[in-house]
Amino acid sequence: MSSPRQLVRRSVSGRIAGVCAGIAEYFDTDVTLVRLAWVILSIVPGAIFGGVLAYVIAWIIVPDSSAPATSSGGARLTRSVVDRKIAGVCGGLAAYFGVDPTVVRLVWAVLTVVPGCIVLGVVAYLGAWFIIPADTTPQTSTASSAA
């Protein structure tokens, strides 16, 4: 009988203390999605302190692991270098979820304006720009060269 999976921090593969990397491994998802969710839930008005406090508590409570991380090998969320208007955040999200980038940009704009505070949408975009890595896969050129 196999033992149940254990939630551990992955400080070697993490950005700060490996909390998000450990959570991503436990739920077999992309670490960038976990980081984005943590930041977005921490931006909610009045909860920034709570998000930081929860991260510090998780850092203390969740044991660190030095064992090699298990990689799911699934799709990775990256910023688009081809379909970008500012930094490629919406283009990357659209490619990851398989939807039209214009829809993602429109939803982001509406969600930024609806609460009445554009600053939070801009802060969330800047946070996503910092958290989501750029796509480093070689891009194939679809344009034909003129001779």
Protein backbone atom coordinates (compact mmCIF):
# COMPACT_ATOMS: atom_id res chain seq x y z
CA MET A 1 0.00 0.00 0.00
CA SER A 2 1.44 3.37 -0.98
CA SER A 3 1.75 6.16 1.53
CA PRO A 4 -0.33 9.32 1.04
CA ARG A 5 1.29 12.31 -0.64
CA GLN A 6 2.80 14.84 1.71
CA LEU A 7 2.68 18.63 1.31
CA VAL A 8 6.24 19.96 1.51
CA ARG A 9 8.03 23.16 0.60
CA ARG A 10 10.42 23.09 -2.35
CA SER A 11 12.87 25.82 -1.29
CA VAL A 12 15.38 24.71 -3.95
CA SER A 13 12.92 25.29 -6.81
CA GLY A 14 10.95 28.11 -5.18
CA ARG A 15 11.29 31.87 -5.48
CA ILE A 16 11.13 32.83 -1.79
CA ALA A 17 10.69 29.81 0.45
CA GLY A 18 9.23 27.19 -1.87
CA VAL A 19 5.70 27.31 -0.45
CA CYS A 20 3.99 27.85 -3.82
CA ALA A 21 6.29 25.32 -5.51
CA GLY A 22 5.32 22.71 -2.91
CA ILE A 23 1.60 23.47 -3.26
CA ALA A 24 1.87 23.23 -7.06
CA GLU A 25 3.60 19.87 -6.82
CA TYR A 26 1.01 18.58 -4.34
CA PHE A 27 -1.90 19.53 -6.61
CA ASP A 28 0.04 18.60 -9.79
CA THR A 29 -0.39 22.03 -11.38
CA ASP A 30 1.83 24.77 -12.73
CA VAL A 31 3.66 26.72 -10.02
CA THR A 32 3.00 29.98 -11.86
CA LEU A 33 -0.76 29.49 -11.44
CA VAL A 34 -0.32 28.95 -7.70
CA ARG A 35 1.82 32.08 -7.42
CA LEU A 36 -0.71 34.13 -9.39
CA ALA A 37 -3.58 32.88 -7.25
CA TRP A 38 -1.67 33.73 -4.07
CA VAL A 39 -0.87 37.26 -5.28
CA ILE A 40 -4.38 37.95 -6.58
CA LEU A 41 -5.98 36.71 -3.36
CA SER A 42 -3.52 38.89 -1.43
CA ILE A 43 -4.39 42.02 -3.42
CA VAL A 44 -8.02 41.96 -2.29
CA PRO A 45 -8.46 45.22 -0.37
CA GLY A 46 -7.32 44.79 3.20
CA ALA A 47 -5.88 41.32 2.65
CA ILE A 48 -2.31 42.13 1.57
CA PHE A 49 -1.14 41.80 5.17
CA GLY A 50 -3.16 38.59 5.50
CA GLY A 51 -1.60 37.13 2.35
CA VAL A 52 1.91 37.88 3.57
CA LEU A 53 1.11 36.57 7.05
CA ALA A 54 -0.37 33.36 5.59
CA TYR A 55 2.77 32.85 3.48
CA VAL A 56 5.06 33.31 6.50
CA ILE A 57 2.94 30.88 8.54
CA ALA A 58 3.04 28.32 5.70
CA TRP A 59 6.81 28.84 5.52
CA ILE A 60 7.05 27.95 9.21
CA ILE A 61 4.54 25.08 9.30
CA VAL A 62 5.19 23.21 6.03
CA PRO A 63 8.35 21.08 6.19
CA ASP A 64 11.07 21.61 3.59
CA SER A 65 12.11 18.75 1.33
CA SER A 66 15.49 18.18 -0.23
CA ALA A 67 14.26 15.26 -2.34
CA PRO A 68 14.11 15.85 -6.09
CA ALA A 69 10.86 17.42 -7.23
CA THR A 70 8.50 15.38 -9.35
CA SER A 71 7.69 17.15 -12.59
CA SER A 72 4.26 16.78 -14.15
CA GLY A 73 5.62 17.63 -17.60
CA GLY A 74 2.37 19.41 -18.46
CA ALA A 75 1.88 22.77 -20.10
CA ARG A 76 3.64 25.73 -18.50
CA LEU A 77 2.12 29.18 -18.17
CA THR A 78 4.43 31.70 -19.81
CA ARG A 79 4.17 35.25 -21.12
CA SER A 80 3.75 35.35 -24.88
CA VAL A 81 6.57 36.88 -26.89
CA VAL A 82 4.53 36.80 -30.09
CA ASP A 83 1.01 37.90 -29.05
CA ARG A 84 1.63 40.84 -26.76
CA LYS A 85 0.29 44.34 -26.33
CA ILE A 86 2.28 45.33 -23.22
CA ALA A 87 4.16 42.41 -21.66
CA GLY A 88 2.46 39.30 -23.08
CA VAL A 89 0.55 38.41 -19.89
CA CYS A 90 -2.89 38.18 -21.50
CA GLY A 91 -1.46 36.47 -24.61
CA GLY A 92 0.24 33.88 -22.40
CA LEU A 93 -2.92 33.26 -20.37
CA ALA A 94 -4.91 32.88 -23.59
CA ALA A 95 -2.44 30.37 -25.02
CA TYR A 96 -2.40 28.38 -21.75
CA PHE A 97 -6.20 28.14 -21.55
CA GLY A 98 -6.73 27.84 -25.34
CA VAL A 99 -8.90 30.94 -25.76
CA ASP A 100 -8.77 34.08 -27.88
CA PRO A 101 -6.33 36.67 -26.44
CA THR A 102 -8.81 39.48 -27.14
CA VAL A 103 -11.30 37.81 -24.79
CA VAL A 104 -8.68 37.59 -22.04
CA ARG A 105 -7.75 41.26 -22.52
CA LEU A 106 -11.42 42.28 -22.44
CA VAL A 107 -12.13 40.26 -19.29
CA TRP A 108 -9.04 41.74 -17.60
CA ALA A 109 -10.14 45.29 -18.54
CA VAL A 110 -13.72 44.73 -17.32
CA LEU A 111 -12.60 43.16 -14.04
CA THR A 112 -10.18 46.04 -13.53
CA VAL A 113 -12.86 48.71 -13.99
CA VAL A 114 -15.89 46.99 -12.38
CA PRO A 115 -14.73 47.28 -8.76
CA GLY A 116 -14.09 50.97 -9.47
CA CYS A 117 -10.37 50.84 -8.71
CA ILE A 118 -8.12 50.68 -11.75
CA VAL A 119 -5.05 50.65 -9.50
CA LEU A 120 -5.71 47.05 -8.38
CA GLY A 121 -5.96 45.81 -11.97
CA VAL A 122 -2.72 47.55 -12.87
CA VAL A 123 -1.00 46.17 -9.75
CA ALA A 124 -2.29 42.67 -10.61
CA TYR A 125 -0.95 43.02 -14.18
CA LEU A 126 2.44 44.21 -12.93
CA GLY A 127 2.51 41.30 -10.46
CA ALA A 128 1.66 38.85 -13.25
CA TRP A 129 4.38 40.43 -15.40
CA PHE A 130 6.88 39.73 -12.62
CA ILE A 131 5.61 36.23 -11.74
CA ILE A 132 4.95 34.69 -15.17
CA PRO A 133 8.20 33.81 -16.96
CA ALA A 134 8.67 34.75 -20.61
CA ASP A 135 8.27 32.02 -23.20
CA THR A 136 11.73 30.78 -24.13
CA THR A 137 10.76 28.20 -26.75
CA PRO A 138 12.10 29.02 -30.20
CA GLN A 139 9.45 30.68 -32.35
CA THR A 140 8.97 29.46 -35.90
CA SER A 141 8.55 32.13 -38.52
CA THR A 142 5.38 31.82 -40.56
CA ALA A 143 6.29 34.65 -42.91
CA SER A 144 7.75 33.56 -46.21
CA SER A 145 10.97 35.26 -47.21
CA ALA A 146 11.00 37.20 -50.45
CA ALA A 147 13.87 36.37 -52.77
